[in-house]
Amino acid sequence: MYQVVASDLDGTLLSPDHHLTPYAKETLKLLTARGLNFVFATGRHYIDVGQIRDNLGIKSYMITSNGARVHDAEGKQVFAHNLDSDIAADLFGIVHANPDIVTNVYREDEWFMNRHRPEEMRFFKEAVFNYTLYEPGLLEAEGVSKVFFTCNSHETLLPLEQAINARWGDRVNVSFSTLTCLEVMAGWCVERPCAGSGC
């Protein structure tokens, strides 16, 4: 018998229109009712995932921000790994002047964006999680779990990926979660399987 079941949200538990289906909800409730430990393992912010968990009425572990945050079944944070503040501060403004790329920041229990992009909200149908606009140089760079960049063109993000890797190397973990979303986390032990093992 399995002791732990882990699943991503986007493209896995969530339907293509970003909802939990009745079948998915019932399955999660049955798993946890049988005493299995369920883990949400996702790139999403823990506030967002916590609301989804609470709306389901289940206890579950959460590995969020691609492993930069881990919360136990009671919602207590048990692991955090942040971007170095010098890197985070530079990432806040690295493409600020580019109107085609939106910068997103997950810091502690907040989400920041450098410009309005209402279409981002289509991903948040199972929770209420809103962003605040920021200006580079005015946002505190401590406690940042992830900075990510969204754009309508994968090709526009490729030079940014190369520039970030060239500048910070192993100090960052850079990956595409989708073709139009480039994510940057701290370089040491930030990926869901590693965070789940406790390294």
N, C-alpha and C. Protein backbone atom coordinates (compact mmCIF):
# COMPACT_ATOMS: atom_id res chain seq x y z
N MET A 1 0.85 -1.19 0.00
CA MET A 1 0.00 0.00 0.00
C MET A 1 0.89 1.24 0.00
N TYR A 2 0.52 2.21 -0.77
CA TYR A 2 1.25 3.46 -0.82
C TYR A 2 1.08 4.23 0.49
N GLN A 3 2.15 4.89 0.92
CA GLN A 3 2.10 5.74 2.11
C GLN A 3 1.92 7.21 1.76
N VAL A 4 2.46 7.59 0.58
CA VAL A 4 2.43 8.99 0.15
C VAL A 4 2.03 9.06 -1.31
N VAL A 5 1.17 10.00 -1.63
CA VAL A 5 0.81 10.30 -3.01
C VAL A 5 1.08 11.78 -3.22
N ALA A 6 1.84 12.11 -4.26
CA ALA A 6 2.15 13.51 -4.57
C ALA A 6 1.67 13.83 -5.97
N SER A 7 1.24 15.06 -6.16
CA SER A 7 0.78 15.48 -7.48
C SER A 7 0.99 16.97 -7.68
N ASP A 8 1.28 17.32 -8.91
CA ASP A 8 1.31 18.72 -9.34
C ASP A 8 -0.13 19.19 -9.47
N LEU A 9 -0.31 20.47 -9.69
CA LEU A 9 -1.64 21.02 -9.93
C LEU A 9 -1.86 21.29 -11.41
N ASP A 10 -1.11 22.23 -11.96
CA ASP A 10 -1.32 22.63 -13.36
C ASP A 10 -0.94 21.50 -14.31
N GLY A 11 -1.88 21.13 -15.15
CA GLY A 11 -1.64 20.06 -16.11
C GLY A 11 -1.78 18.66 -15.51
N THR A 12 -2.12 18.57 -14.23
CA THR A 12 -2.26 17.27 -13.57
C THR A 12 -3.60 17.21 -12.84
N LEU A 13 -3.67 17.75 -11.64
CA LEU A 13 -4.93 17.74 -10.89
C LEU A 13 -5.94 18.72 -11.45
N LEU A 14 -5.46 19.86 -11.91
CA LEU A 14 -6.39 20.86 -12.44
C LEU A 14 -6.75 20.55 -13.88
N SER A 15 -7.98 20.80 -14.22
CA SER A 15 -8.46 20.60 -15.59
C SER A 15 -7.83 21.66 -16.50
N PRO A 16 -7.96 21.52 -17.82
CA PRO A 16 -7.40 22.53 -18.72
C PRO A 16 -7.92 23.95 -18.47
N ASP A 17 -9.10 24.08 -17.87
CA ASP A 17 -9.61 25.42 -17.56
C ASP A 17 -9.29 25.82 -16.11
N HIS A 18 -8.32 25.11 -15.49
CA HIS A 18 -7.75 25.48 -14.18
C HIS A 18 -8.71 25.29 -13.01
N HIS A 19 -9.57 24.29 -13.11
CA HIS A 19 -10.48 23.92 -12.02
C HIS A 19 -10.16 22.52 -11.54
N LEU A 20 -10.47 22.24 -10.28
CA LEU A 20 -10.48 20.87 -9.79
C LEU A 20 -11.82 20.26 -10.19
N THR A 21 -11.79 19.16 -10.88
CA THR A 21 -13.04 18.51 -11.28
C THR A 21 -13.66 17.83 -10.06
N PRO A 22 -14.95 17.55 -10.10
CA PRO A 22 -15.57 16.80 -9.00
C PRO A 22 -14.86 15.47 -8.75
N TYR A 23 -14.42 14.80 -9.81
CA TYR A 23 -13.71 13.53 -9.67
C TYR A 23 -12.39 13.72 -8.91
N ALA A 24 -11.63 14.77 -9.25
CA ALA A 24 -10.37 15.03 -8.57
C ALA A 24 -10.61 15.35 -7.09
N LYS A 25 -11.62 16.15 -6.82
CA LYS A 25 -11.94 16.50 -5.42
C LYS A 25 -12.29 15.25 -4.62
N GLU A 26 -13.14 14.42 -5.18
CA GLU A 26 -13.57 13.20 -4.48
C GLU A 26 -12.39 12.26 -4.26
N THR A 27 -11.52 12.14 -5.27
CA THR A 27 -10.35 11.27 -5.15
C THR A 27 -9.44 11.73 -4.02
N LEU A 28 -9.17 13.03 -3.95
CA LEU A 28 -8.30 13.55 -2.89
C LEU A 28 -8.92 13.34 -1.51
N LYS A 29 -10.20 13.53 -1.41
CA LYS A 29 -10.87 13.31 -0.12
C LYS A 29 -10.81 11.84 0.29
N LEU A 30 -10.99 10.93 -0.67
CA LEU A 30 -10.91 9.50 -0.38
C LEU A 30 -9.50 9.08 0.04
N LEU A 31 -8.49 9.59 -0.67
CA LEU A 31 -7.11 9.26 -0.33
C LEU A 31 -6.78 9.65 1.10
N THR A 32 -7.11 10.89 1.45
CA THR A 32 -6.77 11.36 2.80
C THR A 32 -7.63 10.70 3.86
N ALA A 33 -8.87 10.37 3.53
CA ALA A 33 -9.74 9.66 4.49
C ALA A 33 -9.20 8.27 4.80
N ARG A 34 -8.47 7.69 3.86
CA ARG A 34 -7.88 6.35 4.05
C ARG A 34 -6.53 6.42 4.77
N GLY A 35 -6.12 7.61 5.16
CA GLY A 35 -4.88 7.75 5.91
C GLY A 35 -3.63 7.93 5.08
N LEU A 36 -3.79 8.06 3.78
CA LEU A 36 -2.62 8.31 2.94
C LEU A 36 -2.19 9.76 3.08
N ASN A 37 -0.88 9.97 3.06
CA ASN A 37 -0.35 11.33 3.08
C ASN A 37 -0.36 11.88 1.67
N PHE A 38 -1.07 12.98 1.47
CA PHE A 38 -1.11 13.59 0.15
C PHE A 38 -0.23 14.83 0.15
N VAL A 39 0.50 15.02 -0.96
CA VAL A 39 1.40 16.16 -1.09
C VAL A 39 1.08 16.91 -2.38
N PHE A 40 0.77 18.18 -2.25
CA PHE A 40 0.72 19.06 -3.42
C PHE A 40 2.16 19.44 -3.72
N ALA A 41 2.65 19.16 -4.92
CA ALA A 41 4.01 19.50 -5.32
C ALA A 41 3.90 20.37 -6.57
N THR A 42 4.16 21.66 -6.42
CA THR A 42 3.82 22.60 -7.48
C THR A 42 4.73 23.83 -7.48
N GLY A 43 4.70 24.54 -8.55
CA GLY A 43 5.41 25.81 -8.63
C GLY A 43 4.60 26.96 -8.07
N ARG A 44 3.35 26.71 -7.75
CA ARG A 44 2.48 27.77 -7.23
C ARG A 44 2.91 28.23 -5.84
N HIS A 45 2.38 29.37 -5.43
CA HIS A 45 2.65 29.96 -4.12
C HIS A 45 1.90 29.16 -3.05
N TYR A 46 2.48 29.08 -1.86
CA TYR A 46 1.84 28.28 -0.81
C TYR A 46 0.50 28.86 -0.35
N ILE A 47 0.31 30.16 -0.46
CA ILE A 47 -0.99 30.75 -0.08
C ILE A 47 -2.08 30.22 -1.01
N ASP A 48 -1.79 30.21 -2.29
CA ASP A 48 -2.72 29.70 -3.30
C ASP A 48 -3.05 28.23 -3.03
N VAL A 49 -2.02 27.42 -2.83
CA VAL A 49 -2.22 25.98 -2.61
C VAL A 49 -2.93 25.72 -1.28
N GLY A 50 -2.59 26.50 -0.27
CA GLY A 50 -3.24 26.35 1.03
C GLY A 50 -4.74 26.60 0.95
N GLN A 51 -5.13 27.57 0.14
CA GLN A 51 -6.57 27.83 -0.04
C GLN A 51 -7.24 26.66 -0.75
N ILE A 52 -6.58 26.11 -1.75
CA ILE A 52 -7.14 24.95 -2.45
C ILE A 52 -7.32 23.79 -1.47
N ARG A 53 -6.28 23.53 -0.67
CA ARG A 53 -6.34 22.46 0.33
C ARG A 53 -7.48 22.70 1.32
N ASP A 54 -7.56 23.94 1.83
CA ASP A 54 -8.59 24.25 2.81
C ASP A 54 -9.99 24.15 2.22
N ASN A 55 -10.15 24.56 0.97
CA ASN A 55 -11.46 24.45 0.30
C ASN A 55 -11.89 22.99 0.15
N LEU A 56 -10.91 22.10 0.02
CA LEU A 56 -11.20 20.67 -0.07
C LEU A 56 -11.52 20.06 1.30
N GLY A 57 -11.08 20.73 2.35
CA GLY A 57 -11.29 20.21 3.69
C GLY A 57 -10.41 19.02 4.02
N ILE A 58 -9.20 18.98 3.43
CA ILE A 58 -8.28 17.87 3.68
C ILE A 58 -7.01 18.39 4.34
N LYS A 59 -6.27 17.47 4.94
CA LYS A 59 -4.93 17.78 5.43
C LYS A 59 -3.96 17.26 4.37
N SER A 60 -3.01 18.10 4.01
CA SER A 60 -2.02 17.66 3.03
C SER A 60 -0.75 18.46 3.22
N TYR A 61 0.33 17.85 2.81
CA TYR A 61 1.60 18.55 2.79
C TYR A 61 1.65 19.39 1.52
N MET A 62 2.49 20.42 1.55
CA MET A 62 2.61 21.29 0.38
C MET A 62 4.09 21.54 0.09
N ILE A 63 4.52 21.19 -1.10
CA ILE A 63 5.83 21.58 -1.61
C ILE A 63 5.53 22.59 -2.70
N THR A 64 5.89 23.85 -2.46
CA THR A 64 5.47 24.93 -3.35
C THR A 64 6.67 25.74 -3.83
N SER A 65 6.40 26.64 -4.76
CA SER A 65 7.46 27.45 -5.39
C SER A 65 8.58 26.55 -5.89
N ASN A 66 8.19 25.42 -6.49
CA ASN A 66 9.12 24.43 -7.04
C ASN A 66 10.11 23.92 -6.02
N GLY A 67 9.67 23.77 -4.79
CA GLY A 67 10.52 23.20 -3.75
C GLY A 67 11.13 24.22 -2.81
N ALA A 68 10.95 25.50 -3.06
CA ALA A 68 11.53 26.52 -2.20
C ALA A 68 10.79 26.66 -0.87
N ARG A 69 9.58 26.12 -0.79
CA ARG A 69 8.80 26.14 0.44
C ARG A 69 8.19 24.75 0.66
N VAL A 70 8.23 24.29 1.92
CA VAL A 70 7.57 23.04 2.29
C VAL A 70 6.77 23.31 3.56
N HIS A 71 5.50 22.92 3.53
CA HIS A 71 4.61 23.05 4.69
C HIS A 71 4.08 21.67 5.06
N ASP A 72 3.95 21.43 6.37
CA ASP A 72 3.43 20.14 6.81
C ASP A 72 1.90 20.10 6.68
N ALA A 73 1.31 19.00 7.10
CA ALA A 73 -0.13 18.80 6.93
C ALA A 73 -0.96 19.78 7.75
N GLU A 74 -0.34 20.41 8.74
CA GLU A 74 -1.03 21.42 9.55
C GLU A 74 -0.85 22.82 8.98
N GLY A 75 -0.06 22.94 7.91
CA GLY A 75 0.18 24.25 7.30
C GLY A 75 1.39 24.98 7.85
N LYS A 76 2.16 24.33 8.73
CA LYS A 76 3.36 24.95 9.30
C LYS A 76 4.52 24.82 8.33
N GLN A 77 5.24 25.93 8.11
CA GLN A 77 6.40 25.89 7.23
C GLN A 77 7.52 25.11 7.90
N VAL A 78 8.05 24.11 7.17
CA VAL A 78 9.13 23.28 7.71
C VAL A 78 10.42 23.42 6.91
N PHE A 79 10.35 24.10 5.77
CA PHE A 79 11.54 24.31 4.94
C PHE A 79 11.33 25.53 4.08
N ALA A 80 12.38 26.35 3.99
CA ALA A 80 12.35 27.51 3.09
C ALA A 80 13.75 27.72 2.53
N HIS A 81 13.81 27.98 1.26
CA HIS A 81 15.09 28.31 0.64
C HIS A 81 14.86 29.45 -0.33
N ASN A 82 15.44 30.60 0.00
CA ASN A 82 15.20 31.82 -0.77
C ASN A 82 16.33 32.12 -1.73
N LEU A 83 15.99 32.89 -2.74
CA LEU A 83 17.00 33.46 -3.61
C LEU A 83 17.87 34.40 -2.77
N ASP A 84 19.16 34.45 -3.07
CA ASP A 84 20.00 35.46 -2.43
C ASP A 84 19.43 36.83 -2.75
N SER A 85 19.44 37.72 -1.77
CA SER A 85 18.78 39.01 -1.95
C SER A 85 19.40 39.85 -3.06
N ASP A 86 20.71 39.72 -3.29
CA ASP A 86 21.32 40.49 -4.38
C ASP A 86 20.80 40.03 -5.73
N ILE A 87 20.61 38.72 -5.87
CA ILE A 87 20.07 38.18 -7.12
C ILE A 87 18.61 38.59 -7.28
N ALA A 88 17.83 38.42 -6.22
CA ALA A 88 16.41 38.78 -6.29
C ALA A 88 16.24 40.24 -6.69
N ALA A 89 16.99 41.13 -6.05
CA ALA A 89 16.88 42.56 -6.36
C ALA A 89 17.19 42.85 -7.82
N ASP A 90 18.21 42.19 -8.35
CA ASP A 90 18.55 42.40 -9.77
C ASP A 90 17.48 41.83 -10.69
N LEU A 91 16.92 40.68 -10.32
CA LEU A 91 15.87 40.07 -11.15
C LEU A 91 14.62 40.94 -11.20
N PHE A 92 14.33 41.66 -10.12
CA PHE A 92 13.13 42.52 -10.10
C PHE A 92 13.13 43.50 -11.26
N GLY A 93 14.31 43.96 -11.67
CA GLY A 93 14.37 44.99 -12.70
C GLY A 93 15.02 44.58 -14.00
N ILE A 94 15.42 43.31 -14.12
CA ILE A 94 16.22 42.87 -15.26
C ILE A 94 15.53 43.08 -16.61
N VAL A 95 14.21 42.96 -16.65
CA VAL A 95 13.47 43.19 -17.91
C VAL A 95 12.32 44.16 -17.70
N HIS A 96 12.43 44.99 -16.68
CA HIS A 96 11.33 45.90 -16.33
C HIS A 96 10.91 46.78 -17.51
N ALA A 97 11.86 47.19 -18.32
CA ALA A 97 11.56 48.09 -19.44
C ALA A 97 10.98 47.37 -20.65
N ASN A 98 11.00 46.04 -20.65
CA ASN A 98 10.49 45.28 -21.79
C ASN A 98 8.98 45.10 -21.63
N PRO A 99 8.19 45.73 -22.51
CA PRO A 99 6.73 45.64 -22.36
C PRO A 99 6.15 44.26 -22.66
N ASP A 100 6.95 43.37 -23.25
CA ASP A 100 6.46 42.05 -23.61
C ASP A 100 6.64 41.00 -22.51
N ILE A 101 7.44 41.32 -21.50
CA ILE A 101 7.72 40.36 -20.43
C ILE A 101 7.22 40.92 -19.11
N VAL A 102 6.48 40.10 -18.38
CA VAL A 102 5.98 40.48 -17.05
C VAL A 102 6.81 39.75 -16.00
N THR A 103 7.29 40.49 -15.02
CA THR A 103 8.05 39.92 -13.91
C THR A 103 7.11 39.66 -12.73
N ASN A 104 7.17 38.45 -12.20
CA ASN A 104 6.38 38.03 -11.04
C ASN A 104 7.33 37.67 -9.90
N VAL A 105 6.97 38.03 -8.69
CA VAL A 105 7.80 37.75 -7.52
C VAL A 105 6.94 37.10 -6.44
N TYR A 106 7.42 35.95 -5.93
CA TYR A 106 6.81 35.32 -4.76
C TYR A 106 7.72 35.63 -3.58
N ARG A 107 7.22 36.45 -2.66
CA ARG A 107 7.99 36.81 -1.46
C ARG A 107 7.13 36.53 -0.23
N GLU A 108 7.64 35.66 0.64
CA GLU A 108 6.90 35.26 1.84
C GLU A 108 5.45 34.94 1.47
N ASP A 109 4.47 35.70 1.98
CA ASP A 109 3.07 35.39 1.68
C ASP A 109 2.47 36.33 0.65
N GLU A 110 3.33 36.92 -0.20
CA GLU A 110 2.85 37.90 -1.17
C GLU A 110 3.27 37.54 -2.60
N TRP A 111 2.50 38.09 -3.54
CA TRP A 111 2.78 37.95 -4.97
C TRP A 111 2.83 39.36 -5.55
N PHE A 112 3.90 39.67 -6.24
CA PHE A 112 4.08 40.97 -6.87
C PHE A 112 4.26 40.81 -8.37
N MET A 113 3.79 41.80 -9.12
CA MET A 113 4.01 41.87 -10.57
C MET A 113 4.44 43.28 -10.92
N ASN A 114 5.24 43.40 -11.98
CA ASN A 114 5.71 44.73 -12.36
C ASN A 114 4.72 45.48 -13.25
N ARG A 115 3.71 44.81 -13.76
CA ARG A 115 2.65 45.51 -14.51
C ARG A 115 1.40 44.63 -14.51
N HIS A 116 0.28 45.26 -14.73
CA HIS A 116 -0.98 44.51 -14.76
C HIS A 116 -1.00 43.56 -15.95
N ARG A 117 -1.44 42.36 -15.69
CA ARG A 117 -1.67 41.38 -16.75
C ARG A 117 -2.87 40.55 -16.31
N PRO A 118 -4.08 41.08 -16.54
CA PRO A 118 -5.29 40.43 -16.04
C PRO A 118 -5.45 38.97 -16.46
N GLU A 119 -4.88 38.60 -17.61
CA GLU A 119 -5.03 37.22 -18.07
C GLU A 119 -4.33 36.22 -17.14
N GLU A 120 -3.41 36.68 -16.28
CA GLU A 120 -2.77 35.79 -15.31
C GLU A 120 -3.80 35.20 -14.35
N MET A 121 -4.86 35.94 -14.10
CA MET A 121 -5.84 35.52 -13.10
C MET A 121 -6.62 34.28 -13.54
N ARG A 122 -6.54 33.89 -14.80
CA ARG A 122 -7.25 32.69 -15.25
C ARG A 122 -6.72 31.43 -14.57
N PHE A 123 -5.48 31.50 -14.05
CA PHE A 123 -4.88 30.35 -13.38
C PHE A 123 -5.36 30.19 -11.94
N PHE A 124 -6.10 31.17 -11.43
CA PHE A 124 -6.45 31.18 -10.01
C PHE A 124 -7.95 31.08 -9.80
N LYS A 125 -8.53 29.99 -10.28
CA LYS A 125 -9.98 29.79 -10.16
C LYS A 125 -10.36 28.99 -8.92
N GLU A 126 -9.39 28.33 -8.31
CA GLU A 126 -9.67 27.52 -7.12
C GLU A 126 -9.29 28.24 -5.83
N ALA A 127 -8.74 29.45 -5.95
CA ALA A 127 -8.32 30.21 -4.77
C ALA A 127 -8.40 31.70 -5.09
N VAL A 128 -8.37 32.51 -4.05
CA VAL A 128 -8.33 33.96 -4.22
C VAL A 128 -6.93 34.40 -3.83
N PHE A 129 -6.12 34.71 -4.83
CA PHE A 129 -4.74 35.12 -4.58
C PHE A 129 -4.41 36.22 -5.57
N ASN A 130 -4.26 37.43 -5.09
CA ASN A 130 -4.08 38.58 -5.96
C ASN A 130 -2.68 39.16 -5.82
N TYR A 131 -2.23 39.78 -6.88
CA TYR A 131 -0.90 40.39 -6.89
C TYR A 131 -0.97 41.88 -6.53
N THR A 132 0.20 42.40 -6.18
CA THR A 132 0.40 43.83 -5.93
C THR A 132 1.45 44.30 -6.92
N LEU A 133 1.26 45.48 -7.49
CA LEU A 133 2.26 46.03 -8.40
C LEU A 133 3.47 46.53 -7.62
N TYR A 134 4.65 46.42 -8.23
CA TYR A 134 5.86 46.91 -7.59
C TYR A 134 6.71 47.68 -8.59
N GLU A 135 7.64 48.45 -8.06
CA GLU A 135 8.65 49.16 -8.84
C GLU A 135 10.02 48.62 -8.42
N PRO A 136 10.90 48.30 -9.38
CA PRO A 136 12.25 47.86 -9.00
C PRO A 136 12.93 48.91 -8.13
N GLY A 137 13.70 48.46 -7.19
CA GLY A 137 14.38 49.36 -6.27
C GLY A 137 13.56 49.72 -5.05
N LEU A 138 12.26 49.44 -5.09
CA LEU A 138 11.39 49.76 -3.96
C LEU A 138 10.85 48.51 -3.27
N LEU A 139 11.17 47.34 -3.80
CA LEU A 139 10.66 46.08 -3.24
C LEU A 139 11.76 45.40 -2.44
N GLU A 140 11.46 45.06 -1.19
CA GLU A 140 12.41 44.36 -0.33
C GLU A 140 12.76 43.00 -0.96
N ALA A 141 14.05 42.68 -0.99
CA ALA A 141 14.51 41.48 -1.69
C ALA A 141 14.76 40.29 -0.77
N GLU A 142 14.42 40.40 0.50
CA GLU A 142 14.56 39.28 1.43
C GLU A 142 13.31 38.40 1.37
N GLY A 143 13.49 37.11 1.57
CA GLY A 143 12.34 36.20 1.65
C GLY A 143 11.71 35.85 0.32
N VAL A 144 12.46 35.99 -0.77
CA VAL A 144 11.92 35.71 -2.11
C VAL A 144 12.16 34.25 -2.47
N SER A 145 11.07 33.51 -2.64
CA SER A 145 11.18 32.10 -2.99
C SER A 145 11.36 31.88 -4.49
N LYS A 146 10.78 32.79 -5.28
CA LYS A 146 10.82 32.58 -6.73
C LYS A 146 10.54 33.89 -7.45
N VAL A 147 11.24 34.08 -8.56
CA VAL A 147 10.93 35.15 -9.51
C VAL A 147 10.66 34.46 -10.83
N PHE A 148 9.56 34.82 -11.48
CA PHE A 148 9.30 34.21 -12.78
C PHE A 148 8.82 35.24 -13.77
N PHE A 149 9.06 34.92 -15.02
CA PHE A 149 8.81 35.84 -16.12
C PHE A 149 7.83 35.19 -17.09
N THR A 150 6.76 35.91 -17.41
CA THR A 150 5.77 35.41 -18.36
C THR A 150 5.76 36.29 -19.59
N CYS A 151 5.47 35.66 -20.71
CA CYS A 151 5.51 36.34 -22.00
C CYS A 151 4.70 35.51 -22.98
N ASN A 152 4.21 36.12 -24.01
CA ASN A 152 3.46 35.36 -25.02
C ASN A 152 4.35 34.61 -25.99
N SER A 153 5.67 34.82 -25.92
CA SER A 153 6.59 34.21 -26.87
C SER A 153 7.74 33.51 -26.16
N HIS A 154 7.88 32.22 -26.40
CA HIS A 154 9.00 31.45 -25.85
C HIS A 154 10.33 32.02 -26.33
N GLU A 155 10.38 32.39 -27.60
CA GLU A 155 11.62 32.90 -28.18
C GLU A 155 12.09 34.19 -27.50
N THR A 156 11.15 34.98 -27.01
CA THR A 156 11.52 36.22 -26.31
C THR A 156 12.17 35.92 -24.96
N LEU A 157 11.78 34.80 -24.34
CA LEU A 157 12.33 34.44 -23.03
C LEU A 157 13.67 33.71 -23.11
N LEU A 158 14.00 33.12 -24.25
CA LEU A 158 15.24 32.35 -24.36
C LEU A 158 16.49 33.17 -24.06
N PRO A 159 16.65 34.39 -24.62
CA PRO A 159 17.85 35.18 -24.27
C PRO A 159 17.91 35.53 -22.78
N LEU A 160 16.76 35.71 -22.16
CA LEU A 160 16.72 36.00 -20.73
C LEU A 160 17.22 34.79 -19.94
N GLU A 161 16.77 33.60 -20.31
CA GLU A 161 17.25 32.38 -19.66
C GLU A 161 18.77 32.28 -19.76
N GLN A 162 19.30 32.51 -20.94
CA GLN A 162 20.75 32.42 -21.16
C GLN A 162 21.49 33.47 -20.34
N ALA A 163 20.96 34.69 -20.30
CA ALA A 163 21.61 35.77 -19.55
C ALA A 163 21.64 35.49 -18.05
N ILE A 164 20.54 34.97 -17.52
CA ILE A 164 20.47 34.66 -16.09
C ILE A 164 21.45 33.54 -15.74
N ASN A 165 21.47 32.49 -16.54
CA ASN A 165 22.41 31.39 -16.30
C ASN A 165 23.86 31.84 -16.41
N ALA A 166 24.15 32.68 -17.39
CA ALA A 166 25.52 33.17 -17.58
C ALA A 166 25.96 34.04 -16.40
N ARG A 167 25.05 34.83 -15.88
CA ARG A 167 25.40 35.77 -14.81
C ARG A 167 25.53 35.10 -13.45
N TRP A 168 24.61 34.19 -13.11
CA TRP A 168 24.59 33.65 -11.76
C TRP A 168 24.91 32.16 -11.66
N GLY A 169 24.97 31.45 -12.77
CA GLY A 169 25.39 30.05 -12.76
C GLY A 169 24.66 29.19 -11.75
N ASP A 170 25.43 28.49 -10.90
CA ASP A 170 24.85 27.56 -9.93
C ASP A 170 24.13 28.23 -8.77
N ARG A 171 24.21 29.54 -8.68
CA ARG A 171 23.49 30.24 -7.60
C ARG A 171 21.99 30.28 -7.86
N VAL A 172 21.60 29.93 -9.09
CA VAL A 172 20.18 29.92 -9.45
C VAL A 172 19.81 28.61 -10.12
N ASN A 173 18.54 28.30 -10.07
CA ASN A 173 17.95 27.18 -10.79
C ASN A 173 16.94 27.81 -11.74
N VAL A 174 17.19 27.71 -13.03
CA VAL A 174 16.36 28.37 -14.04
C VAL A 174 15.71 27.30 -14.90
N SER A 175 14.38 27.40 -15.06
CA SER A 175 13.70 26.42 -15.90
C SER A 175 12.39 26.99 -16.44
N PHE A 176 11.95 26.42 -17.53
CA PHE A 176 10.65 26.76 -18.10
C PHE A 176 9.60 25.82 -17.53
N SER A 177 8.58 26.37 -16.88
CA SER A 177 7.47 25.54 -16.42
C SER A 177 6.47 25.34 -17.55
N THR A 178 6.39 26.32 -18.43
CA THR A 178 5.66 26.23 -19.70
C THR A 178 6.52 26.98 -20.71
N LEU A 179 6.16 26.91 -21.95
CA LEU A 179 6.95 27.63 -22.96
C LEU A 179 6.94 29.13 -22.74
N THR A 180 5.94 29.63 -22.03
CA THR A 180 5.82 31.07 -21.85
C THR A 180 6.02 31.51 -20.40
N CYS A 181 6.65 30.65 -19.60
CA CYS A 181 6.91 30.99 -18.19
C CYS A 181 8.30 30.50 -17.80
N LEU A 182 9.20 31.44 -17.55
CA LEU A 182 10.58 31.15 -17.14
C LEU A 182 10.70 31.41 -15.64
N GLU A 183 11.11 30.39 -14.88
CA GLU A 183 11.14 30.49 -13.43
C GLU A 183 12.57 30.46 -12.90
N VAL A 184 12.82 31.26 -11.87
CA VAL A 184 14.14 31.34 -11.25
C VAL A 184 14.00 31.14 -9.75
N MET A 185 14.69 30.12 -9.23
CA MET A 185 14.71 29.85 -7.80
C MET A 185 16.18 29.79 -7.36
N ALA A 186 16.40 29.67 -6.06
CA ALA A 186 17.75 29.52 -5.54
C ALA A 186 18.36 28.23 -6.09
N GLY A 187 19.66 28.24 -6.27
CA GLY A 187 20.33 27.13 -6.94
C GLY A 187 20.52 25.87 -6.14
N TRP A 188 20.54 25.93 -4.83
CA TRP A 188 20.79 24.75 -4.04
C TRP A 188 19.50 24.05 -3.67
N CYS A 189 19.33 22.83 -4.11
CA CYS A 189 18.25 21.95 -3.66
C CYS A 189 16.86 22.52 -3.88
N VAL A 190 16.65 23.20 -4.98
CA VAL A 190 15.30 23.70 -5.23
C VAL A 190 14.72 23.00 -6.44
N GLU A 191 14.08 21.91 -6.18
CA GLU A 191 13.27 21.19 -7.13
C GLU A 191 12.39 20.29 -6.28
N ARG A 192 11.24 19.97 -6.76
CA ARG A 192 10.28 19.28 -5.91
C ARG A 192 10.78 17.96 -5.34
N PRO A 193 11.40 17.07 -6.11
CA PRO A 193 11.84 15.81 -5.51
C PRO A 193 12.87 16.02 -4.40
N CYS A 194 13.77 16.97 -4.60
CA CYS A 194 14.80 17.23 -3.60
C CYS A 194 14.19 17.80 -2.33
N ALA A 195 13.30 18.76 -2.47
CA ALA A 195 12.65 19.35 -1.29
C ALA A 195 11.87 18.29 -0.53
N GLY A 196 11.25 17.38 -1.24
CA GLY A 196 10.47 16.34 -0.59
C GLY A 196 11.34 15.36 0.18
N SER A 197 12.60 15.22 -0.21
CA SER A 197 13.49 14.29 0.48
C SER A 197 14.19 14.93 1.66
N GLY A 198 14.12 16.27 1.73
CA GLY A 198 14.80 16.98 2.81
C GLY A 198 16.29 17.13 2.57
N CYS A 199 16.78 16.68 1.42
CA CYS A 199 18.21 16.77 1.07
C CYS A 199 19.08 16.32 2.20
